[in-house]
Amino acid sequence: MEKDESFVDFYTGSEIMIMGLRKRLEAISVFGIMQNDFNSGNLAGFVGGTPNTVRFKIRAVDIEKAQPILEEFLNANYND
């Protein structure tokens, strides 16, 4: 896998927040994956992470395209 095709951490927060961000990013054809260590740990029989710490990863090549969406999303959700 080439460097620009690798997944990098883009945002960390609750699953609910990531679902909202993911919807906005998919509208501009940026797709990612959620990494929930808490749920993964529970399924494996041990606890890892916290319920509100979910990582959203996107491809490195999409960072520039996705950054304005993240800024808009954070301003809308944290400046109310």
PDB file of N, CA and C in Angstrom:
ATOM      1  N   MET A   1       0.852  -1.180   0.000  1.00  0.00           N
ATOM      2  CA  MET A   1       0.000   0.000   0.000  1.00  0.00           C
ATOM      3  C   MET A   1       0.894   1.238   0.000  1.00  0.00           C
ATOM      4  N   GLU A   2       0.612   2.138  -0.887  1.00  0.00           N
ATOM      5  CA  GLU A   2       1.381   3.372  -0.964  1.00  0.00           C
ATOM      6  C   GLU A   2       1.075   4.261   0.227  1.00  0.00           C
ATOM      7  N   LYS A   3       2.002   5.161   0.528  1.00  0.00           N
ATOM      8  CA  LYS A   3       1.870   6.032   1.696  1.00  0.00           C
ATOM      9  C   LYS A   3       0.562   6.830   1.679  1.00  0.00           C
ATOM     10  N   ASP A   4       0.200   7.412   0.541  1.00  0.00           N
ATOM     11  CA  ASP A   4      -1.020   8.225   0.466  1.00  0.00           C
ATOM     12  C   ASP A   4      -2.289   7.399   0.597  1.00  0.00           C
ATOM     13  N   GLU A   5      -2.181   6.094   0.413  1.00  0.00           N
ATOM     14  CA  GLU A   5      -3.344   5.219   0.513  1.00  0.00           C
ATOM     15  C   GLU A   5      -3.520   4.660   1.920  1.00  0.00           C
ATOM     16  N   SER A   6      -2.559   4.896   2.818  1.00  0.00           N
ATOM     17  CA  SER A   6      -2.672   4.376   4.171  1.00  0.00           C
ATOM     18  C   SER A   6      -3.690   5.199   4.962  1.00  0.00           C
ATOM     19  N   PHE A   7      -4.295   4.578   5.953  1.00  0.00           N
ATOM     20  CA  PHE A   7      -5.261   5.256   6.798  1.00  0.00           C
ATOM     21  C   PHE A   7      -4.537   5.953   7.947  1.00  0.00           C
ATOM     22  N   VAL A   8      -4.971   7.168   8.258  1.00  0.00           N
ATOM     23  CA  VAL A   8      -4.408   7.945   9.357  1.00  0.00           C
ATOM     24  C   VAL A   8      -5.541   8.426  10.252  1.00  0.00           C
ATOM     25  N   ASP A   9      -5.239   8.616  11.540  1.00  0.00           N
ATOM     26  CA  ASP A   9      -6.240   9.158  12.463  1.00  0.00           C
ATOM     27  C   ASP A   9      -6.617  10.561  12.011  1.00  0.00           C
ATOM     28  N   PHE A  10      -7.928  10.814  11.928  1.00  0.00           N
ATOM     29  CA  PHE A  10      -8.410  12.116  11.480  1.00  0.00           C
ATOM     30  C   PHE A  10      -9.172  12.836  12.589  1.00  0.00           C
ATOM     31  N   TYR A  11      -9.943  12.089  13.375  1.00  0.00           N
ATOM     32  CA  TYR A  11     -10.754  12.689  14.433  1.00  0.00           C
ATOM     33  C   TYR A  11     -10.984  11.636  15.509  1.00  0.00           C
ATOM     34  N   THR A  12     -10.974  12.064  16.766  1.00  0.00           N
ATOM     35  CA  THR A  12     -11.261  11.174  17.884  1.00  0.00           C
ATOM     36  C   THR A  12     -12.372  11.795  18.706  1.00  0.00           C
ATOM     37  N   GLY A  13     -13.398  11.009  19.003  1.00  0.00           N
ATOM     38  CA  GLY A  13     -14.522  11.495  19.783  1.00  0.00           C
ATOM     39  C   GLY A  13     -15.519  10.383  20.000  1.00  0.00           C
ATOM     40  N   SER A  14     -16.754  10.759  20.291  1.00  0.00           N
ATOM     41  CA  SER A  14     -17.796   9.754  20.517  1.00  0.00           C
ATOM     42  C   SER A  14     -18.268   9.189  19.170  1.00  0.00           C
ATOM     43  N   GLU A  15     -18.859   8.017  19.241  1.00  0.00           N
ATOM     44  CA  GLU A  15     -19.364   7.380  18.023  1.00  0.00           C
ATOM     45  C   GLU A  15     -20.447   8.234  17.366  1.00  0.00           C
ATOM     46  N   ILE A  16     -21.263   8.883  18.163  1.00  0.00           N
ATOM     47  CA  ILE A  16     -22.327   9.751  17.634  1.00  0.00           C
ATOM     48  C   ILE A  16     -21.729  10.905  16.835  1.00  0.00           C
ATOM     49  N   MET A  17     -20.694  11.546  17.389  1.00  0.00           N
ATOM     50  CA  MET A  17     -20.061  12.657  16.677  1.00  0.00           C
ATOM     51  C   MET A  17     -19.413  12.171  15.380  1.00  0.00           C
ATOM     52  N   ILE A  18     -18.776  11.022  15.440  1.00  0.00           N
ATOM     53  CA  ILE A  18     -18.125  10.495  14.247  1.00  0.00           C
ATOM     54  C   ILE A  18     -19.141  10.157  13.175  1.00  0.00           C
ATOM     55  N   MET A  19     -20.304   9.677  13.565  1.00  0.00           N
ATOM     56  CA  MET A  19     -21.342   9.363  12.574  1.00  0.00           C
ATOM     57  C   MET A  19     -21.774  10.626  11.827  1.00  0.00           C
ATOM     58  N   GLY A  20     -21.896  11.751  12.545  1.00  0.00           N
ATOM     59  CA  GLY A  20     -22.250  13.013  11.910  1.00  0.00           C
ATOM     60  C   GLY A  20     -21.159  13.509  10.975  1.00  0.00           C
ATOM     61  N   LEU A  21     -19.913  13.419  11.433  1.00  0.00           N
ATOM     62  CA  LEU A  21     -18.781  13.837  10.605  1.00  0.00           C
ATOM     63  C   LEU A  21     -18.656  12.940   9.382  1.00  0.00           C
ATOM     64  N   ARG A  22     -18.816  11.652   9.582  1.00  0.00           N
ATOM     65  CA  ARG A  22     -18.698  10.686   8.482  1.00  0.00           C
ATOM     66  C   ARG A  22     -19.707  11.000   7.360  1.00  0.00           C
ATOM     67  N   LYS A  23     -20.922  11.336   7.742  1.00  0.00           N
ATOM     68  CA  LYS A  23     -21.962  11.660   6.753  1.00  0.00           C
ATOM     69  C   LYS A  23     -21.542  12.859   5.901  1.00  0.00           C
ATOM     70  N   ARG A  24     -20.980  13.877   6.523  1.00  0.00           N
ATOM     71  CA  ARG A  24     -20.538  15.063   5.784  1.00  0.00           C
ATOM     72  C   ARG A  24     -19.367  14.753   4.861  1.00  0.00           C
ATOM     73  N   LEU A  25     -18.451  13.928   5.340  1.00  0.00           N
ATOM     74  CA  LEU A  25     -17.294  13.570   4.518  1.00  0.00           C
ATOM     75  C   LEU A  25     -17.685  12.684   3.341  1.00  0.00           C
ATOM     76  N   GLU A  26     -18.608  11.770   3.549  1.00  0.00           N
ATOM     77  CA  GLU A  26     -19.045  10.908   2.457  1.00  0.00           C
ATOM     78  C   GLU A  26     -19.729  11.712   1.351  1.00  0.00           C
ATOM     79  N   ALA A  27     -20.322  12.851   1.711  1.00  0.00           N
ATOM     80  CA  ALA A  27     -20.958  13.717   0.713  1.00  0.00           C
ATOM     81  C   ALA A  27     -19.939  14.295  -0.265  1.00  0.00           C
ATOM     82  N   ILE A  28     -18.663  14.361   0.155  1.00  0.00           N
ATOM     83  CA  ILE A  28     -17.613  14.853  -0.747  1.00  0.00           C
ATOM     84  C   ILE A  28     -16.686  13.700  -1.178  1.00  0.00           C
ATOM     85  N   SER A  29     -17.188  12.492  -1.058  1.00  0.00           N
ATOM     86  CA  SER A  29     -16.472  11.273  -1.476  1.00  0.00           C
ATOM     87  C   SER A  29     -15.184  11.009  -0.698  1.00  0.00           C
ATOM     88  N   VAL A  30     -15.213  11.315   0.597  1.00  0.00           N
ATOM     89  CA  VAL A  30     -14.120  10.936   1.493  1.00  0.00           C
ATOM     90  C   VAL A  30     -14.690   9.870   2.427  1.00  0.00           C
ATOM     91  N   PHE A  31     -14.109   8.689   2.366  1.00  0.00           N
ATOM     92  CA  PHE A  31     -14.619   7.566   3.138  1.00  0.00           C
ATOM     93  C   PHE A  31     -13.587   7.144   4.163  1.00  0.00           C
ATOM     94  N   GLY A  32     -14.063   6.678   5.299  1.00  0.00           N
ATOM     95  CA  GLY A  32     -13.150   6.293   6.364  1.00  0.00           C
ATOM     96  C   GLY A  32     -13.660   5.100   7.138  1.00  0.00           C
ATOM     97  N   ILE A  33     -12.926   4.785   8.201  1.00  0.00           N
ATOM     98  CA  ILE A  33     -13.295   3.674   9.069  1.00  0.00           C
ATOM     99  C   ILE A  33     -13.258   4.136  10.514  1.00  0.00           C
ATOM    100  N   MET A  34     -14.142   3.548  11.331  1.00  0.00           N
ATOM    101  CA  MET A  34     -14.158   3.826  12.755  1.00  0.00           C
ATOM    102  C   MET A  34     -13.373   2.736  13.465  1.00  0.00           C
ATOM    103  N   GLN A  35     -12.567   3.138  14.420  1.00  0.00           N
ATOM    104  CA  GLN A  35     -11.835   2.183  15.235  1.00  0.00           C
ATOM    105  C   GLN A  35     -12.260   2.392  16.677  1.00  0.00           C
ATOM    106  N   ASN A  36     -13.000   1.436  17.197  1.00  0.00           N
ATOM    107  CA  ASN A  36     -13.537   1.530  18.548  1.00  0.00           C
ATOM    108  C   ASN A  36     -12.845   0.480  19.409  1.00  0.00           C
ATOM    109  N   ASP A  37     -11.788   0.876  20.102  1.00  0.00           N
ATOM    110  CA  ASP A  37     -11.012  -0.059  20.919  1.00  0.00           C
ATOM    111  C   ASP A  37     -11.815  -0.600  22.096  1.00  0.00           C
ATOM    112  N   PHE A  38     -12.744   0.185  22.621  1.00  0.00           N
ATOM    113  CA  PHE A  38     -13.559  -0.252  23.748  1.00  0.00           C
ATOM    114  C   PHE A  38     -14.427  -1.444  23.339  1.00  0.00           C
ATOM    115  N   ASN A  39     -15.169  -1.299  22.244  1.00  0.00           N
ATOM    116  CA  ASN A  39     -16.022  -2.400  21.778  1.00  0.00           C
ATOM    117  C   ASN A  39     -15.195  -3.599  21.347  1.00  0.00           C
ATOM    118  N   SER A  40     -14.089  -3.364  20.687  1.00  0.00           N
ATOM    119  CA  SER A  40     -13.218  -4.462  20.258  1.00  0.00           C
ATOM    120  C   SER A  40     -12.692  -5.229  21.462  1.00  0.00           C
ATOM    121  N   GLY A  41     -12.307  -4.500  22.493  1.00  0.00           N
ATOM    122  CA  GLY A  41     -11.809  -5.136  23.709  1.00  0.00           C
ATOM    123  C   GLY A  41     -12.875  -5.952  24.404  1.00  0.00           C
ATOM    124  N   ASN A  42     -14.083  -5.410  24.470  1.00  0.00           N
ATOM    125  CA  ASN A  42     -15.177  -6.148  25.097  1.00  0.00           C
ATOM    126  C   ASN A  42     -15.450  -7.459  24.360  1.00  0.00           C
ATOM    127  N   LEU A  43     -15.443  -7.408  23.045  1.00  0.00           N
ATOM    128  CA  LEU A  43     -15.684  -8.614  22.264  1.00  0.00           C
ATOM    129  C   LEU A  43     -14.583  -9.654  22.464  1.00  0.00           C
ATOM    130  N   ALA A  44     -13.364  -9.179  22.693  1.00  0.00           N
ATOM    131  CA  ALA A  44     -12.232 -10.091  22.878  1.00  0.00           C
ATOM    132  C   ALA A  44     -12.094 -10.556  24.332  1.00  0.00           C
ATOM    133  N   GLY A  45     -12.874  -9.984  25.243  1.00  0.00           N
ATOM    134  CA  GLY A  45     -12.840 -10.410  26.632  1.00  0.00           C
ATOM    135  C   GLY A  45     -11.981  -9.555  27.547  1.00  0.00           C
ATOM    136  N   PHE A  46     -11.565  -8.394  27.105  1.00  0.00           N
ATOM    137  CA  PHE A  46     -10.814  -7.473  27.958  1.00  0.00           C
ATOM    138  C   PHE A  46     -11.244  -6.057  27.624  1.00  0.00           C
ATOM    139  N   VAL A  47     -10.938  -5.131  28.518  1.00  0.00           N
ATOM    140  CA  VAL A  47     -11.347  -3.738  28.311  1.00  0.00           C
ATOM    141  C   VAL A  47     -10.159  -2.932  27.806  1.00  0.00           C
ATOM    142  N   GLY A  48     -10.382  -2.183  26.733  1.00  0.00           N
ATOM    143  CA  GLY A  48      -9.356  -1.305  26.189  1.00  0.00           C
ATOM    144  C   GLY A  48     -10.007  -0.035  25.686  1.00  0.00           C
ATOM    145  N   GLY A  49      -9.495   1.100  26.052  1.00  0.00           N
ATOM    146  CA  GLY A  49     -10.083   2.357  25.619  1.00  0.00           C
ATOM    147  C   GLY A  49     -11.267   2.740  26.494  1.00  0.00           C
ATOM    148  N   THR A  50     -11.965   3.784  26.081  1.00  0.00           N
ATOM    149  CA  THR A  50     -13.155   4.235  26.796  1.00  0.00           C
ATOM    150  C   THR A  50     -14.311   4.314  25.816  1.00  0.00           C
ATOM    151  N   PRO A  51     -15.541   4.255  26.307  1.00  0.00           N
ATOM    152  CA  PRO A  51     -16.692   4.268  25.393  1.00  0.00           C
ATOM    153  C   PRO A  51     -16.770   5.512  24.498  1.00  0.00           C
ATOM    154  N   ASN A  52     -16.242   6.639  24.952  1.00  0.00           N
ATOM    155  CA  ASN A  52     -16.339   7.870  24.174  1.00  0.00           C
ATOM    156  C   ASN A  52     -15.084   8.185  23.375  1.00  0.00           C
ATOM    157  N   THR A  53     -14.185   7.241  23.272  1.00  0.00           N
ATOM    158  CA  THR A  53     -12.956   7.470  22.518  1.00  0.00           C
ATOM    159  C   THR A  53     -12.917   6.535  21.318  1.00  0.00           C
ATOM    160  N   VAL A  54     -13.500   7.015  20.252  1.00  0.00           N
ATOM    161  CA  VAL A  54     -13.532   6.267  18.998  1.00  0.00           C
ATOM    162  C   VAL A  54     -12.702   7.058  17.996  1.00  0.00           C
ATOM    163  N   ARG A  55     -11.877   6.360  17.256  1.00  0.00           N
ATOM    164  CA  ARG A  55     -11.043   7.031  16.258  1.00  0.00           C
ATOM    165  C   ARG A  55     -11.662   6.870  14.880  1.00  0.00           C
ATOM    166  N   PHE A  56     -11.644   7.955  14.119  1.00  0.00           N
ATOM    167  CA  PHE A  56     -12.098   7.916  12.733  1.00  0.00           C
ATOM    168  C   PHE A  56     -10.880   8.115  11.857  1.00  0.00           C
ATOM    169  N   LYS A  57     -10.667   7.181  10.968  1.00  0.00           N
ATOM    170  CA  LYS A  57      -9.479   7.208  10.110  1.00  0.00           C
ATOM    171  C   LYS A  57      -9.899   7.402   8.663  1.00  0.00           C
ATOM    172  N   ILE A  58      -9.118   8.206   7.952  1.00  0.00           N
ATOM    173  CA  ILE A  58      -9.325   8.389   6.519  1.00  0.00           C
ATOM    174  C   ILE A  58      -7.984   8.182   5.818  1.00  0.00           C
ATOM    175  N   ARG A  59      -8.036   8.070   4.518  1.00  0.00           N
ATOM    176  CA  ARG A  59      -6.795   7.901   3.766  1.00  0.00           C
ATOM    177  C   ARG A  59      -5.995   9.202   3.790  1.00  0.00           C
ATOM    178  N   ALA A  60      -4.690   9.068   3.882  1.00  0.00           N
ATOM    179  CA  ALA A  60      -3.804  10.237   3.953  1.00  0.00           C
ATOM    180  C   ALA A  60      -4.008  11.170   2.769  1.00  0.00           C
ATOM    181  N   VAL A  61      -4.298  10.613   1.618  1.00  0.00           N
ATOM    182  CA  VAL A  61      -4.480  11.413   0.409  1.00  0.00           C
ATOM    183  C   VAL A  61      -5.707  12.338   0.513  1.00  0.00           C
ATOM    184  N   ASP A  62      -6.655  12.025   1.406  1.00  0.00           N
ATOM    185  CA  ASP A  62      -7.882  12.808   1.537  1.00  0.00           C
ATOM    186  C   ASP A  62      -7.824  13.880   2.621  1.00  0.00           C
ATOM    187  N   ILE A  63      -6.725  13.989   3.341  1.00  0.00           N
ATOM    188  CA  ILE A  63      -6.641  14.932   4.466  1.00  0.00           C
ATOM    189  C   ILE A  63      -6.945  16.366   4.040  1.00  0.00           C
ATOM    190  N   GLU A  64      -6.305  16.843   2.998  1.00  0.00           N
ATOM    191  CA  GLU A  64      -6.518  18.236   2.554  1.00  0.00           C
ATOM    192  C   GLU A  64      -7.971  18.492   2.178  1.00  0.00           C
ATOM    193  N   LYS A  65      -8.561  17.563   1.492  1.00  0.00           N
ATOM    194  CA  LYS A  65      -9.955  17.700   1.059  1.00  0.00           C
ATOM    195  C   LYS A  65     -10.909  17.678   2.263  1.00  0.00           C
ATOM    196  N   ALA A  66     -10.586  16.893   3.279  1.00  0.00           N
ATOM    197  CA  ALA A  66     -11.470  16.706   4.425  1.00  0.00           C
ATOM    198  C   ALA A  66     -11.310  17.767   5.507  1.00  0.00           C
ATOM    199  N   GLN A  67     -10.171  18.425   5.575  1.00  0.00           N
ATOM    200  CA  GLN A  67      -9.895  19.379   6.650  1.00  0.00           C
ATOM    201  C   GLN A  67     -10.944  20.493   6.777  1.00  0.00           C
ATOM    202  N   PRO A  68     -11.374  21.134   5.681  1.00  0.00           N
ATOM    203  CA  PRO A  68     -12.393  22.183   5.824  1.00  0.00           C
ATOM    204  C   PRO A  68     -13.723  21.654   6.376  1.00  0.00           C
ATOM    205  N   ILE A  69     -14.064  20.417   6.035  1.00  0.00           N
ATOM    206  CA  ILE A  69     -15.298  19.818   6.545  1.00  0.00           C
ATOM    207  C   ILE A  69     -15.178  19.604   8.053  1.00  0.00           C
ATOM    208  N   LEU A  70     -14.020  19.142   8.511  1.00  0.00           N
ATOM    209  CA  LEU A  70     -13.799  18.945   9.940  1.00  0.00           C
ATOM    210  C   LEU A  70     -13.894  20.272  10.682  1.00  0.00           C
ATOM    211  N   GLU A  71     -13.276  21.306  10.169  1.00  0.00           N
ATOM    212  CA  GLU A  71     -13.324  22.616  10.827  1.00  0.00           C
ATOM    213  C   GLU A  71     -14.755  23.138  10.917  1.00  0.00           C
ATOM    214  N   GLU A  72     -15.498  23.011   9.834  1.00  0.00           N
ATOM    215  CA  GLU A  72     -16.906  23.437   9.825  1.00  0.00           C
ATOM    216  C   GLU A  72     -17.723  22.623  10.821  1.00  0.00           C
ATOM    217  N   PHE A  73     -17.486  21.325  10.855  1.00  0.00           N
ATOM    218  CA  PHE A  73     -18.189  20.421  11.761  1.00  0.00           C
ATOM    219  C   PHE A  73     -17.910  20.783  13.222  1.00  0.00           C
ATOM    220  N   LEU A  74     -16.652  21.013  13.552  1.00  0.00           N
ATOM    221  CA  LEU A  74     -16.294  21.363  14.932  1.00  0.00           C
ATOM    222  C   LEU A  74     -16.869  22.712  15.326  1.00  0.00           C
ATOM    223  N   ASN A  75     -16.829  23.685  14.436  1.00  0.00           N
ATOM    224  CA  ASN A  75     -17.409  25.002  14.732  1.00  0.00           C
ATOM    225  C   ASN A  75     -18.904  24.904  14.978  1.00  0.00           C
ATOM    226  N   ALA A  76     -19.592  24.112  14.191  1.00  0.00           N
ATOM    227  CA  ALA A  76     -21.043  23.957  14.335  1.00  0.00           C
ATOM    228  C   ALA A  76     -21.426  23.232  15.614  1.00  0.00           C
ATOM    229  N   ASN A  77     -20.601  22.282  16.047  1.00  0.00           N
ATOM    230  CA  ASN A  77     -20.954  21.456  17.207  1.00  0.00           C
ATOM    231  C   ASN A  77     -20.394  21.946  18.523  1.00  0.00           C
ATOM    232  N   TYR A  78     -19.378  22.756  18.492  1.00  0.00           N
ATOM    233  CA  TYR A  78     -18.762  23.191  19.742  1.00  0.00           C
ATOM    234  C   TYR A  78     -18.900  24.687  19.997  1.00  0.00           C
ATOM    235  N   ASN A  79     -19.522  25.412  19.092  1.00  0.00           N
ATOM    236  CA  ASN A  79     -19.716  26.851  19.271  1.00  0.00           C
ATOM    237  C   ASN A  79     -21.177  27.221  19.375  1.00  0.00           C
ATOM    238  N   ASP A  80     -22.005  26.271  19.790  1.00  0.00           N
ATOM    239  CA  ASP A  80     -23.449  26.550  19.931  1.00  0.00           C
ATOM    240  C   ASP A  80     -23.733  27.329  21.195  1.00  0.00           C
TER     241      ASP A  80
END
